[in-house]
Amino acid sequence: MEQRYEFQVEESDQGQRVDRLLAGLLSECSRSFLQKLVERGAITVNGSGLTEKKYKVKAGDRLGVTLPEPELLKLEPEDLPLDIVYEDEDVAVVNKPRGMVVHPAPGNETGTMVNALLYHCKSLSSINGIIRPGIVHRIDKDTSGLLMVAKNDAAHRALAEQLAVHSITRIYQAVVFHNLKEDRGTVDAPIGRDPKNRLRMAVTQRNSKPAVTHWRVEERFGSFTRITARLETGRTHQIRVHMAHIGHPLLGDPLYGPKKQPVELQGQALHAQTLGFVHPVTGQYLEFTVPAPEEFQKAVERLRSKYGSAPVDWTDREGETT
């Protein structure tokens, strides 16, 4: 099925090439693929088909993008590096690197985690269709960290049911702008497609779903804060949207935060560090934790060096901490 997106250019984006702007907003689409969409007439500006690949957008331009469904026959196993944290006959847990797309999408029909899984695994669940075998849940291209994979349909159904009742443990590490005055908190605000910008998600009452994020402060450095965030629900861009909603967008996230970033990062400072679930066959609770990637850790060290560090000691704090 084709996907249609609409976007109104903000004044801060004026003068950017249309392919560069859209590649930043549609993270799974490469600039070369977007240029091909221009050739096909699949990108419009103010209702008219765009013909100039190097077109520089103007404030107020209304951009329309029609993404075709990936060609399913191109989905092939690929011998790609895959950091498998746990694996048995029913499930696997993978530590996805930043920059890797989870499953094929327009402009990224190879090099995805699914391509690597097809090479590595003898079987994967089929519930989510041909282009998403084994995929129970996803994280963004530029978010690193843990994902669970189902190797058969029975395991997939059991894991999906745990997601539905919010019993999966999903804890993220993130760095946000500004100083969070409280040590912990909860954002309970519904998320849906941004009515003003169809390429973003937003806290909205319109066509939205409930979303709950619990956060706690781990360390403060001047105008930035390192947090852990626990997902109660799992909406698209949930942590990014919720933290921006309360005035603390993620470092390295120009989609929901400042266009100019103080630390150079390839994507937002967000890492899925802990994943826990009940095994669909044995009934045993399994939990896995992986450290943030080197780029994330270096960004934190630069902030510590520049602004100093004030960690929060949770050792003797009672109750649920995230």
Protein backbone atom coordinates (compact mmCIF):
# COMPACT_ATOMS: atom_id res chain seq x y z
CA MET A 1 0.00 0.00 0.00
CA GLU A 2 1.27 3.46 -0.87
CA GLN A 3 1.92 5.92 1.96
CA ARG A 4 1.18 9.63 1.62
CA TYR A 5 2.86 12.31 3.74
CA GLU A 6 2.34 16.05 3.85
CA PHE A 7 4.61 18.66 5.32
CA GLN A 8 4.64 22.47 5.56
CA VAL A 9 8.10 24.05 5.41
CA GLU A 10 9.02 26.11 8.45
CA GLU A 11 10.92 29.37 8.18
CA SER A 12 14.00 27.78 9.76
CA ASP A 13 14.15 25.24 6.91
CA GLN A 14 13.95 27.81 4.08
CA GLY A 15 16.69 27.43 1.47
CA GLN A 16 17.34 23.72 2.03
CA ARG A 17 17.31 21.38 -0.93
CA VAL A 18 14.06 19.45 -0.94
CA ASP A 19 15.79 16.04 -1.03
CA ARG A 20 18.01 16.92 1.94
CA LEU A 21 15.08 18.22 3.99
CA LEU A 22 12.88 15.20 3.29
CA ALA A 23 15.73 12.75 3.95
CA GLY A 24 16.00 14.23 7.44
CA LEU A 25 12.28 13.93 8.05
CA LEU A 26 11.76 10.53 6.42
CA SER A 27 14.75 8.81 8.02
CA GLU A 28 14.22 5.54 6.16
CA CYS A 29 14.45 7.23 2.72
CA SER A 30 17.81 8.06 1.16
CA ARG A 31 18.39 11.25 -0.83
CA SER A 32 19.00 9.25 -4.02
CA PHE A 33 15.66 7.50 -3.58
CA LEU A 34 13.89 10.81 -3.01
CA GLN A 35 15.46 12.14 -6.21
CA LYS A 36 13.98 9.16 -8.05
CA LEU A 37 10.59 10.04 -6.56
CA VAL A 38 10.96 13.50 -8.10
CA GLU A 39 11.49 11.84 -11.49
CA ARG A 40 8.34 9.77 -10.99
CA GLY A 41 6.26 12.81 -10.03
CA ALA A 42 5.71 11.43 -6.53
CA ILE A 43 6.75 14.65 -4.76
CA THR A 44 4.58 17.77 -4.97
CA VAL A 45 5.09 21.38 -3.95
CA ASN A 46 1.97 23.39 -3.25
CA GLY A 47 -0.11 20.80 -5.09
CA SER A 48 1.98 20.67 -8.27
CA GLY A 49 4.39 17.92 -9.27
CA LEU A 50 8.02 18.80 -8.54
CA THR A 51 10.34 18.52 -11.55
CA GLU A 52 13.56 20.06 -10.19
CA LYS A 53 15.68 17.71 -8.05
CA LYS A 54 17.72 20.61 -6.65
CA TYR A 55 14.67 22.67 -5.70
CA LYS A 56 15.27 24.81 -2.61
CA VAL A 57 12.24 25.02 -0.37
CA LYS A 58 10.58 28.25 0.74
CA ALA A 59 8.89 28.94 4.05
CA GLY A 60 5.23 27.98 3.79
CA ASP A 61 5.73 25.47 0.96
CA ARG A 62 3.38 22.51 1.24
CA LEU A 63 5.30 19.35 0.35
CA GLY A 64 3.56 16.09 -0.54
CA VAL A 65 5.38 12.75 -0.74
CA THR A 66 3.89 9.48 -1.99
CA LEU A 67 5.97 6.46 -1.00
CA PRO A 68 5.36 3.27 -2.97
CA GLU A 69 5.29 -0.12 -1.29
CA PRO A 70 8.70 -1.84 -1.43
CA GLU A 71 9.11 -4.46 -4.14
CA LEU A 72 8.75 -7.60 -2.06
CA LEU A 73 10.71 -9.85 -4.40
CA LYS A 74 13.87 -7.85 -3.66
CA LEU A 75 13.95 -8.99 -0.05
CA GLU A 76 17.00 -11.24 0.15
CA PRO A 77 19.14 -12.69 2.95
CA GLU A 78 22.36 -10.72 3.45
CA ASP A 79 25.49 -11.67 5.36
CA LEU A 80 25.58 -8.56 7.55
CA PRO A 81 27.06 -8.13 11.05
CA LEU A 82 24.40 -8.94 13.63
CA ASP A 83 24.94 -8.53 17.38
CA ILE A 84 22.80 -11.33 18.82
CA VAL A 85 22.55 -11.04 22.59
CA TYR A 86 20.35 -14.13 23.08
CA GLU A 87 18.94 -16.86 20.85
CA ASP A 88 17.04 -20.15 21.06
CA GLU A 89 14.55 -22.03 18.85
CA ASP A 90 11.73 -19.57 19.51
CA VAL A 91 13.15 -16.10 20.08
CA ALA A 92 16.21 -13.96 19.56
CA VAL A 93 17.32 -10.65 21.08
CA VAL A 94 19.36 -8.37 18.83
CA ASN A 95 21.36 -5.26 19.69
CA LYS A 96 20.59 -3.03 16.68
CA PRO A 97 23.27 -0.46 15.80
CA ARG A 98 22.43 3.18 15.19
CA GLY A 99 21.86 3.81 11.49
CA MET A 100 20.42 0.38 10.63
CA VAL A 101 16.81 0.25 9.43
CA VAL A 102 14.79 -2.54 11.06
CA HIS A 103 12.89 -3.70 7.97
CA PRO A 104 12.76 -2.81 4.26
CA ALA A 105 11.08 0.44 3.29
CA PRO A 106 11.14 2.66 0.21
CA GLY A 107 14.73 3.60 -0.47
CA ASN A 108 16.08 0.99 1.97
CA GLU A 109 15.25 -2.41 0.50
CA THR A 110 18.65 -3.89 1.43
CA GLY A 111 21.00 -3.63 4.38
CA THR A 112 18.24 -3.87 6.97
CA MET A 113 18.09 -5.94 10.12
CA VAL A 114 15.50 -8.18 8.43
CA ASN A 115 17.94 -8.92 5.58
CA ALA A 116 20.52 -9.95 8.18
CA LEU A 117 18.00 -12.06 10.12
CA LEU A 118 16.97 -13.91 6.98
CA TYR A 119 20.59 -14.93 6.46
CA HIS A 120 21.16 -15.91 10.07
CA CYS A 121 17.89 -17.61 11.06
CA LYS A 122 16.38 -20.76 9.57
CA SER A 123 12.86 -19.55 10.30
CA LEU A 124 11.07 -16.36 11.32
CA SER A 125 7.45 -15.60 12.17
CA SER A 126 5.19 -14.54 9.30
CA ILE A 127 2.48 -12.65 11.20
CA ASN A 128 3.71 -9.16 10.23
CA GLY A 129 3.93 -9.95 6.53
CA ILE A 130 6.62 -10.68 3.98
CA ILE A 131 8.78 -7.60 4.52
CA ARG A 132 8.71 -7.79 8.34
CA PRO A 133 9.41 -11.46 9.16
CA GLY A 134 10.11 -11.98 12.87
CA ILE A 135 9.62 -8.32 13.76
CA VAL A 136 7.47 -7.93 16.87
CA HIS A 137 8.35 -4.29 17.62
CA ARG A 138 10.64 -1.63 16.13
CA ILE A 139 12.95 1.21 17.05
CA ASP A 140 13.93 4.15 14.85
CA LYS A 141 16.80 3.94 12.38
CA ASP A 142 18.94 6.30 14.45
CA THR A 143 18.08 4.70 17.79
CA SER A 144 20.36 1.89 18.94
CA GLY A 145 19.62 -1.00 21.24
CA LEU A 146 17.63 -4.14 21.98
CA LEU A 147 14.86 -5.72 19.93
CA MET A 148 13.14 -9.08 20.40
CA VAL A 149 12.60 -11.28 17.35
CA ALA A 150 10.08 -14.13 17.00
CA LYS A 151 11.17 -17.24 15.13
CA ASN A 152 7.69 -18.73 14.77
CA ASP A 153 4.09 -17.52 14.82
CA ALA A 154 3.28 -18.96 18.25
CA ALA A 155 6.17 -17.08 19.83
CA HIS A 156 5.17 -13.93 17.94
CA ARG A 157 1.60 -14.05 19.23
CA ALA A 158 2.78 -14.57 22.82
CA LEU A 159 5.24 -11.66 22.67
CA ALA A 160 2.71 -9.39 20.95
CA GLU A 161 0.19 -10.14 23.71
CA GLN A 162 2.75 -9.05 26.33
CA LEU A 163 3.25 -5.81 24.41
CA ALA A 164 -0.51 -5.28 24.31
CA VAL A 165 -0.85 -5.56 28.09
CA HIS A 166 2.31 -3.46 28.69
CA SER A 167 4.20 -6.20 30.55
CA ILE A 168 7.40 -5.95 28.47
CA THR A 169 10.28 -4.15 30.22
CA ARG A 170 11.69 -1.48 27.88
CA ILE A 171 14.13 0.99 29.41
CA TYR A 172 15.97 3.59 27.34
CA GLN A 173 18.91 5.86 28.03
CA ALA A 174 18.68 9.39 26.63
CA VAL A 175 20.17 12.86 26.88
CA VAL A 176 17.75 15.79 26.82
CA PHE A 177 18.04 19.55 26.63
CA HIS A 178 17.74 21.67 29.80
CA ASN A 179 17.72 20.76 33.47
CA LEU A 180 14.85 18.58 34.64
CA LYS A 181 14.08 20.05 38.05
CA GLU A 182 12.37 16.94 39.43
CA ASP A 183 14.26 13.66 39.78
CA ARG A 184 11.51 11.58 38.21
CA GLY A 185 8.19 11.97 36.48
CA THR A 186 5.60 10.53 34.11
CA VAL A 187 4.26 11.86 30.82
CA ASP A 188 0.74 10.56 30.19
CA ALA A 189 -0.33 12.17 26.91
CA PRO A 190 -1.87 10.65 23.75
CA ILE A 191 0.21 10.54 20.57
CA GLY A 192 -0.97 10.73 16.98
CA ARG A 193 0.10 12.13 13.63
CA ASP A 194 0.90 15.86 13.88
CA PRO A 195 -2.05 17.61 12.16
CA LYS A 196 0.25 20.47 11.08
CA ASN A 197 3.11 18.30 9.84
CA ARG A 198 2.26 14.80 8.64
CA LEU A 199 5.90 13.70 8.82
CA ARG A 200 5.96 14.07 12.62
CA MET A 201 4.09 12.67 15.56
CA ALA A 202 2.64 14.91 18.27
CA VAL A 203 0.73 14.99 21.53
CA THR A 204 -2.81 15.46 20.24
CA GLN A 205 -6.38 14.44 20.99
CA ARG A 206 -7.10 13.92 17.29
CA ASN A 207 -6.81 10.36 15.95
CA SER A 208 -4.37 9.49 18.74
CA LYS A 209 -3.62 6.58 21.04
CA PRO A 210 -2.82 6.60 24.77
CA ALA A 211 0.89 6.92 25.53
CA VAL A 212 2.72 6.77 28.86
CA THR A 213 6.44 7.34 29.50
CA HIS A 214 8.08 7.16 32.94
CA TRP A 215 11.43 8.94 33.30
CA ARG A 216 14.05 9.49 35.97
CA VAL A 217 17.16 11.65 36.08
CA GLU A 218 20.52 9.87 36.16
CA GLU A 219 22.90 12.81 35.75
CA ARG A 220 22.76 16.55 35.20
CA PHE A 221 25.33 18.56 33.27
CA GLY A 222 24.46 22.24 33.18
CA SER A 223 21.87 22.76 30.47
CA PHE A 224 21.52 19.03 29.70
CA THR A 225 20.22 15.99 31.57
CA ARG A 226 20.87 12.27 31.13
CA ILE A 227 17.77 10.22 31.89
CA THR A 228 16.43 6.71 31.72
CA ALA A 229 12.91 6.35 30.34
CA ARG A 230 10.61 3.34 30.72
CA LEU A 231 7.92 2.77 28.15
CA GLU A 232 4.52 1.72 29.38
CA THR A 233 3.18 1.97 25.83
CA GLY A 234 5.10 1.92 22.56
CA ARG A 235 3.94 4.59 20.13
CA THR A 236 5.97 5.85 17.18
CA HIS A 237 8.69 8.27 18.39
CA GLN A 238 7.12 8.11 21.86
CA ILE A 239 10.09 9.20 24.01
CA ARG A 240 11.13 11.84 21.48
CA VAL A 241 7.61 13.30 21.35
CA HIS A 242 6.91 13.13 25.08
CA MET A 243 10.19 14.73 26.16
CA ALA A 244 9.79 17.51 23.57
CA HIS A 245 6.22 17.99 24.81
CA ILE A 246 7.43 18.80 28.34
CA GLY A 247 10.13 21.13 27.01
CA HIS A 248 13.09 18.72 27.03
CA PRO A 249 13.74 17.48 23.46
CA LEU A 250 16.43 14.88 22.91
CA LEU A 251 19.96 15.89 22.06
CA GLY A 252 20.65 15.25 18.36
CA ASP A 253 16.97 15.31 17.35
CA PRO A 254 16.30 18.26 14.98
CA LEU A 255 12.89 16.82 14.06
CA TYR A 256 11.50 17.52 17.55
CA GLY A 257 14.17 19.84 18.94
CA PRO A 258 16.49 22.66 17.84
CA LYS A 259 17.76 22.61 14.26
CA LYS A 260 21.25 23.51 15.49
CA GLN A 261 22.74 20.98 17.88
CA PRO A 262 25.61 21.66 20.33
CA VAL A 263 27.12 18.19 19.95
CA GLU A 264 27.57 16.44 16.62
CA LEU A 265 25.58 13.18 16.58
CA GLN A 266 24.26 10.99 13.80
CA GLY A 267 20.72 10.99 15.11
CA GLN A 268 19.09 11.40 18.52
CA ALA A 269 20.82 10.48 21.79
CA LEU A 270 18.52 7.52 22.50
CA HIS A 271 19.48 3.93 23.28
CA ALA A 272 17.22 0.96 24.12
CA GLN A 273 19.41 -0.42 26.90
CA THR A 274 17.18 -2.91 28.74
CA LEU A 275 14.61 -5.40 27.41
CA GLY A 276 12.74 -7.94 29.50
CA PHE A 277 9.94 -10.38 28.68
CA VAL A 278 8.46 -13.75 29.62
CA HIS A 279 9.72 -16.50 27.31
CA PRO A 280 6.76 -17.65 25.17
CA VAL A 281 7.52 -21.36 25.71
CA THR A 282 9.35 -21.78 29.03
CA GLY A 283 7.50 -19.06 30.93
CA GLN A 284 10.82 -17.83 32.35
CA TYR A 285 11.36 -14.07 32.66
CA LEU A 286 14.39 -12.98 30.64
CA GLU A 287 16.04 -9.57 30.87
CA PHE A 288 18.98 -8.17 28.92
CA THR A 289 20.97 -4.93 29.18
CA VAL A 290 23.56 -3.55 26.74
CA PRO A 291 25.69 -0.40 27.10
CA ALA A 292 25.10 2.62 24.90
CA PRO A 293 27.24 2.78 21.75
CA GLU A 294 30.58 4.58 21.73
CA GLU A 295 29.23 7.69 19.97
CA PHE A 296 26.57 8.15 22.66
CA GLN A 297 29.12 7.71 25.45
CA LYS A 298 31.54 10.17 23.84
CA ALA A 299 28.77 12.79 23.61
CA VAL A 300 28.08 12.33 27.33
CA GLU A 301 31.78 12.68 28.13
CA ARG A 302 31.95 15.94 26.14
CA LEU A 303 29.02 17.32 28.12
CA ARG A 304 30.61 16.26 31.41
CA SER A 305 33.90 17.89 30.44
CA LYS A 306 32.24 21.15 29.39
CA TYR A 307 29.54 21.55 32.05
CA GLY A 308 30.55 19.31 34.97
CA SER A 309 28.50 16.42 36.33
CA ALA A 310 25.89 16.03 39.08
CA PRO A 311 24.74 12.39 39.19
CA VAL A 312 21.64 11.31 41.08
CA ASP A 313 22.23 8.49 43.59
CA TRP A 314 19.32 6.04 43.47
CA THR A 315 20.96 3.44 45.72
CA ASP A 316 18.79 4.03 48.78
CA ARG A 317 15.71 5.37 47.03
CA GLU A 318 12.67 3.15 47.61
CA GLY A 319 10.04 2.04 45.12
CA GLU A 320 9.96 1.82 41.34
CA THR A 321 12.72 4.00 39.97
CA THR A 322 11.56 4.45 36.38
